[in-house]
Amino acid sequence: MRFSNTLLLLILCFLVITWTVRSVPPQLPVQCDQTGCTVSNTYGVWPDRTNCKAAKVAYPTTEEELIKAVAYASEHNLKVKTVTKFSSTIAKLACPSGSDAMLISTSKYNSVIEIEPERLTIKADSGVSLRELIDKVEAAGFSIRMSPYWEGVSIGGLISTGSHGSSWSGRGGSVHDHVVGINLVVPATSSEGYAKVVSIEEGRDDELLNAVKVSLGVLGVISKVKLSIEKAIKRSITYNFTSDVALEVMFMEN
């Protein structure tokens, strides 16, 4: 009887845990209240154990709104840092720090994904997640050439930080090796509206493109990214089952 009661208790505990445990995405990196905004990373704490503060945050949804956000910061002489939907940085690269600082989040800037089949390229807003990009490309019968393992990263964030895959095939193992174009929003003069878009293309602006690819956000805010893609291929996997009776002999002989 005691064994039965113990077993029933274990089953009950298992069912309670199963019903109550659920998977949730990480907390948004930017939290704001009446005193300002706080920026956190995936680990919940910065290496120096101090908070990262900013006066305000902008959430552009289009390139025009992104230009306005950069123009506002430029006109008011504010420090600017760009953050994504899930901030995974360990170092305080995403921290502008101070009452004269402003954040620009690309978490809502993710509506445009355009494929050019004849050129084998895809152009996307910098806030588009890797998962969204992969789904769009695969649905059209194509494949991106390289990607990191985590699908939650944004396109702008992963090329800014040099994220890479695990292969050296083709042009290289990093995602930025396959970037062929970038739209960069930078500060400008008052006559230009305090901000403008610089369009950078492979074959025309190679040196500038190489500088912008892994720039950690210091050259401007990446607005749009154009990547080279390839046609999807089908792979056949054949399983070969071999007896291991003579495995020891084969190992010793070789």
Protein backbone atom coordinates (compact mmCIF):
# COMPACT_ATOMS: atom_id res chain seq x y z
CA MET A 1 0.00 0.00 0.00
CA ARG A 2 2.83 2.38 0.89
CA PHE A 3 4.46 1.71 -2.53
CA SER A 4 1.16 2.45 -4.32
CA ASN A 5 0.72 5.73 -2.48
CA THR A 6 4.28 6.78 -3.30
CA LEU A 7 3.77 5.93 -6.96
CA LEU A 8 0.52 7.87 -7.11
CA LEU A 9 2.21 10.86 -5.47
CA LEU A 10 5.04 10.78 -8.03
CA ILE A 11 2.56 10.58 -10.90
CA LEU A 12 0.58 13.50 -9.46
CA CYS A 13 3.74 15.61 -9.09
CA PHE A 14 4.74 14.82 -12.67
CA LEU A 15 1.33 15.84 -14.01
CA VAL A 16 1.34 19.10 -12.02
CA ILE A 17 4.81 20.01 -13.29
CA THR A 18 3.86 19.11 -16.87
CA TRP A 19 0.73 21.26 -16.75
CA THR A 20 2.39 24.29 -15.16
CA VAL A 21 5.73 24.41 -17.00
CA ARG A 22 5.68 26.27 -20.30
CA SER A 23 8.19 27.81 -22.65
CA VAL A 24 8.23 31.60 -22.95
CA PRO A 25 10.42 33.97 -24.97
CA PRO A 26 12.97 36.09 -23.10
CA GLN A 27 11.98 39.44 -21.66
CA LEU A 28 12.17 42.33 -24.10
CA PRO A 29 15.57 44.03 -23.71
CA VAL A 30 14.11 47.54 -23.37
CA GLN A 31 11.81 48.42 -20.47
CA CYS A 32 10.56 52.00 -20.01
CA ASP A 33 8.76 53.90 -17.26
CA GLN A 34 8.33 57.54 -16.22
CA THR A 35 12.01 57.86 -15.30
CA GLY A 36 13.37 56.60 -18.63
CA CYS A 37 14.36 53.31 -20.23
CA THR A 38 16.53 50.43 -19.08
CA VAL A 39 18.37 48.11 -21.45
CA SER A 40 19.23 44.53 -20.50
CA ASN A 41 20.87 41.62 -22.28
CA THR A 42 19.92 37.97 -22.60
CA TYR A 43 21.78 37.08 -19.41
CA GLY A 44 19.83 39.62 -17.36
CA VAL A 45 22.89 41.44 -16.04
CA TRP A 46 25.81 43.33 -17.56
CA PRO A 47 29.42 42.33 -16.77
CA ASP A 48 29.94 45.44 -14.62
CA ARG A 49 26.69 44.74 -12.70
CA THR A 50 25.33 48.25 -13.41
CA ASN A 51 22.15 49.22 -15.22
CA CYS A 52 22.13 50.65 -18.72
CA LYS A 53 19.94 53.74 -18.98
CA ALA A 54 18.57 55.77 -21.89
CA ALA A 55 16.22 58.73 -22.00
CA LYS A 56 13.89 57.37 -24.68
CA VAL A 57 13.41 54.72 -27.34
CA ALA A 58 12.04 54.87 -30.89
CA TYR A 59 10.31 51.95 -32.63
CA PRO A 60 10.36 52.66 -36.38
CA THR A 61 8.33 50.42 -38.68
CA THR A 62 9.51 51.84 -42.02
CA GLU A 63 12.68 53.32 -43.44
CA GLU A 64 11.05 56.76 -43.38
CA GLU A 65 10.36 56.44 -39.65
CA LEU A 66 13.93 55.25 -39.09
CA ILE A 67 15.24 58.34 -40.88
CA LYS A 68 13.07 60.54 -38.65
CA ALA A 69 14.41 58.82 -35.51
CA VAL A 70 18.04 59.35 -36.55
CA ALA A 71 17.25 62.93 -37.59
CA TYR A 72 15.74 63.67 -34.17
CA ALA A 73 18.82 62.32 -32.40
CA SER A 74 21.14 64.22 -34.73
CA GLU A 75 19.26 67.50 -34.35
CA HIS A 76 19.21 67.23 -30.55
CA ASN A 77 22.80 65.97 -30.30
CA LEU A 78 21.84 62.67 -28.63
CA LYS A 79 23.92 59.52 -28.35
CA VAL A 80 22.28 56.66 -30.23
CA LYS A 81 22.46 52.90 -29.98
CA THR A 82 20.46 50.34 -31.95
CA VAL A 83 18.86 47.36 -30.22
CA THR A 84 16.96 44.40 -31.62
CA LYS A 85 13.99 42.34 -30.46
CA PHE A 86 16.14 39.99 -28.39
CA SER A 87 19.36 41.64 -27.27
CA SER A 88 21.97 38.89 -26.85
CA THR A 89 25.10 41.00 -26.45
CA ILE A 90 27.30 40.27 -23.43
CA ALA A 91 29.41 43.43 -23.56
CA LYS A 92 27.66 46.80 -23.30
CA LEU A 93 27.73 47.43 -27.04
CA ALA A 94 24.01 48.25 -27.02
CA CYS A 95 24.27 50.70 -24.12
CA PRO A 96 24.37 54.45 -24.93
CA SER A 97 24.20 55.34 -21.21
CA GLY A 98 22.96 58.69 -20.00
CA SER A 99 20.14 61.23 -20.04
CA ASP A 100 21.42 62.48 -23.41
CA ALA A 101 21.06 59.01 -24.95
CA MET A 102 18.44 57.47 -27.20
CA LEU A 103 17.71 53.93 -28.33
CA ILE A 104 16.40 52.86 -31.73
CA SER A 105 14.78 49.42 -31.65
CA THR A 106 14.31 47.43 -34.86
CA SER A 107 11.88 44.99 -33.21
CA LYS A 108 8.96 46.37 -35.26
CA TYR A 109 10.95 47.13 -38.40
CA ASN A 110 10.41 43.77 -40.07
CA SER A 111 7.67 44.00 -42.70
CA VAL A 112 9.60 44.05 -46.00
CA ILE A 113 11.22 40.95 -47.52
CA GLU A 114 11.77 41.14 -51.29
CA ILE A 115 13.22 38.33 -53.42
CA GLU A 116 14.81 39.00 -56.81
CA PRO A 117 14.84 35.52 -58.43
CA GLU A 118 16.72 36.58 -61.56
CA ARG A 119 19.55 38.08 -59.51
CA LEU A 120 19.48 35.44 -56.76
CA THR A 121 19.23 38.06 -54.03
CA ILE A 122 16.88 38.89 -51.17
CA LYS A 123 16.41 42.31 -49.57
CA ALA A 124 14.96 42.64 -46.07
CA ASP A 125 14.37 45.21 -43.34
CA SER A 126 17.12 45.00 -40.73
CA GLY A 127 14.66 43.92 -38.01
CA VAL A 128 13.55 40.79 -39.89
CA SER A 129 14.43 37.67 -37.91
CA LEU A 130 16.51 34.87 -39.37
CA ARG A 131 13.54 32.50 -39.03
CA GLU A 132 11.28 34.85 -41.02
CA LEU A 133 13.93 35.18 -43.71
CA ILE A 134 14.47 31.43 -44.00
CA ASP A 135 10.71 30.77 -44.26
CA LYS A 136 10.30 33.38 -47.01
CA VAL A 137 13.26 32.11 -49.01
CA GLU A 138 12.27 28.44 -48.73
CA ALA A 139 8.68 29.17 -49.76
CA ALA A 140 10.01 30.67 -53.00
CA GLY A 141 12.22 27.66 -53.75
CA PHE A 142 15.52 29.17 -52.66
CA SER A 143 17.94 28.88 -49.76
CA ILE A 144 20.20 31.30 -47.92
CA ARG A 145 23.86 30.36 -48.21
CA MET A 146 24.90 30.64 -44.56
CA SER A 147 23.33 31.15 -41.13
CA PRO A 148 24.11 30.86 -37.41
CA TYR A 149 22.32 28.24 -35.31
CA TRP A 150 19.96 30.60 -33.41
CA GLU A 151 16.94 31.73 -35.43
CA GLY A 152 15.95 34.64 -33.17
CA VAL A 153 18.66 37.02 -34.37
CA SER A 154 17.79 39.91 -36.67
CA ILE A 155 19.40 40.37 -40.07
CA GLY A 156 20.89 43.73 -39.14
CA GLY A 157 22.21 42.42 -35.85
CA LEU A 158 23.81 39.25 -37.14
CA ILE A 159 25.83 40.96 -39.89
CA SER A 160 26.81 43.84 -37.59
CA THR A 161 28.39 41.42 -35.14
CA GLY A 162 29.95 39.00 -37.64
CA SER A 163 27.70 36.01 -36.88
CA HIS A 164 28.72 32.88 -38.76
CA GLY A 165 27.76 29.35 -39.67
CA SER A 166 29.90 26.22 -39.69
CA SER A 167 31.01 25.92 -43.31
CA TRP A 168 33.73 27.44 -45.50
CA SER A 169 31.97 26.70 -48.78
CA GLY A 170 31.43 29.40 -51.38
CA ARG A 171 32.23 32.95 -50.36
CA GLY A 172 32.79 32.14 -46.70
CA GLY A 173 31.29 30.90 -43.46
CA SER A 174 29.98 34.21 -42.12
CA VAL A 175 26.63 35.71 -43.08
CA HIS A 176 28.24 39.05 -43.96
CA ASP A 177 30.35 37.25 -46.60
CA HIS A 178 27.13 36.93 -48.61
CA VAL A 179 25.93 40.54 -48.21
CA VAL A 180 25.77 42.34 -51.56
CA GLY A 181 24.04 45.55 -50.49
CA ILE A 182 23.15 47.66 -47.46
CA ASN A 183 21.04 50.76 -46.84
CA LEU A 184 22.62 52.76 -44.01
CA VAL A 185 20.90 55.68 -42.25
CA VAL A 186 23.45 58.25 -41.09
CA PRO A 187 23.37 61.75 -39.54
CA ALA A 188 23.37 64.63 -42.02
CA THR A 189 23.44 68.42 -42.16
CA SER A 190 20.42 70.56 -41.33
CA SER A 191 19.92 71.29 -45.03
CA GLU A 192 19.61 67.53 -45.61
CA GLY A 193 17.10 67.10 -42.78
CA TYR A 194 19.64 65.87 -40.18
CA ALA A 195 19.59 62.30 -41.56
CA LYS A 196 19.88 60.53 -44.90
CA VAL A 197 20.10 57.07 -46.46
CA VAL A 198 23.35 55.87 -47.99
CA SER A 199 22.83 53.00 -50.44
CA ILE A 200 25.89 50.75 -50.65
CA GLU A 201 26.21 48.10 -53.37
CA GLU A 202 28.72 45.37 -54.16
CA GLY A 203 30.74 46.11 -57.29
CA ARG A 204 30.29 49.85 -56.85
CA ASP A 205 31.19 50.55 -53.23
CA ASP A 206 33.26 47.50 -52.27
CA GLU A 207 35.54 49.18 -49.72
CA LEU A 208 32.64 50.96 -48.01
CA LEU A 209 30.55 47.77 -48.03
CA ASN A 210 33.35 45.83 -46.33
CA ALA A 211 33.57 48.52 -43.65
CA VAL A 212 29.83 48.59 -42.97
CA LYS A 213 29.26 44.82 -42.89
CA VAL A 214 30.72 44.21 -39.41
CA SER A 215 30.65 47.76 -38.05
CA LEU A 216 29.00 47.06 -34.66
CA GLY A 217 26.60 49.93 -35.36
CA VAL A 218 29.21 52.70 -35.13
CA LEU A 219 28.86 53.91 -38.74
CA GLY A 220 25.10 54.35 -38.72
CA VAL A 221 21.84 52.43 -38.41
CA ILE A 222 21.47 49.55 -40.87
CA SER A 223 18.10 49.91 -42.57
CA LYS A 224 18.00 47.22 -45.24
CA VAL A 225 20.23 44.28 -46.09
CA LYS A 226 20.58 42.51 -49.44
CA LEU A 227 21.92 38.94 -49.37
CA SER A 228 22.87 36.54 -52.14
CA ILE A 229 20.82 33.33 -52.15
CA GLU A 230 20.88 30.07 -54.08
CA LYS A 231 18.33 27.71 -55.55
CA ALA A 232 17.08 25.09 -53.13
CA ILE A 233 18.39 21.58 -53.64
CA LYS A 234 17.02 18.18 -52.68
CA ARG A 235 19.25 15.82 -50.78
CA SER A 236 18.91 12.06 -50.58
CA ILE A 237 20.13 10.25 -47.47
CA THR A 238 20.86 6.53 -47.64
CA TYR A 239 21.40 4.54 -44.46
CA ASN A 240 24.05 1.82 -44.65
CA PHE A 241 23.89 -0.81 -41.91
CA THR A 242 27.07 -2.90 -41.56
CA SER A 243 27.81 -5.73 -39.18
CA ASP A 244 30.27 -4.84 -36.41
CA VAL A 245 31.43 -8.42 -35.84
CA ALA A 246 34.90 -7.70 -37.25
CA LEU A 247 35.04 -4.11 -35.99
CA GLU A 248 37.91 -4.77 -33.57
CA VAL A 249 40.01 -6.39 -36.29
CA MET A 250 39.30 -3.55 -38.74
CA PHE A 251 40.27 -0.99 -36.12
CA MET A 252 43.55 -2.73 -35.30
CA GLU A 253 44.49 -3.11 -38.96
CA ASN A 254 43.91 0.56 -39.72
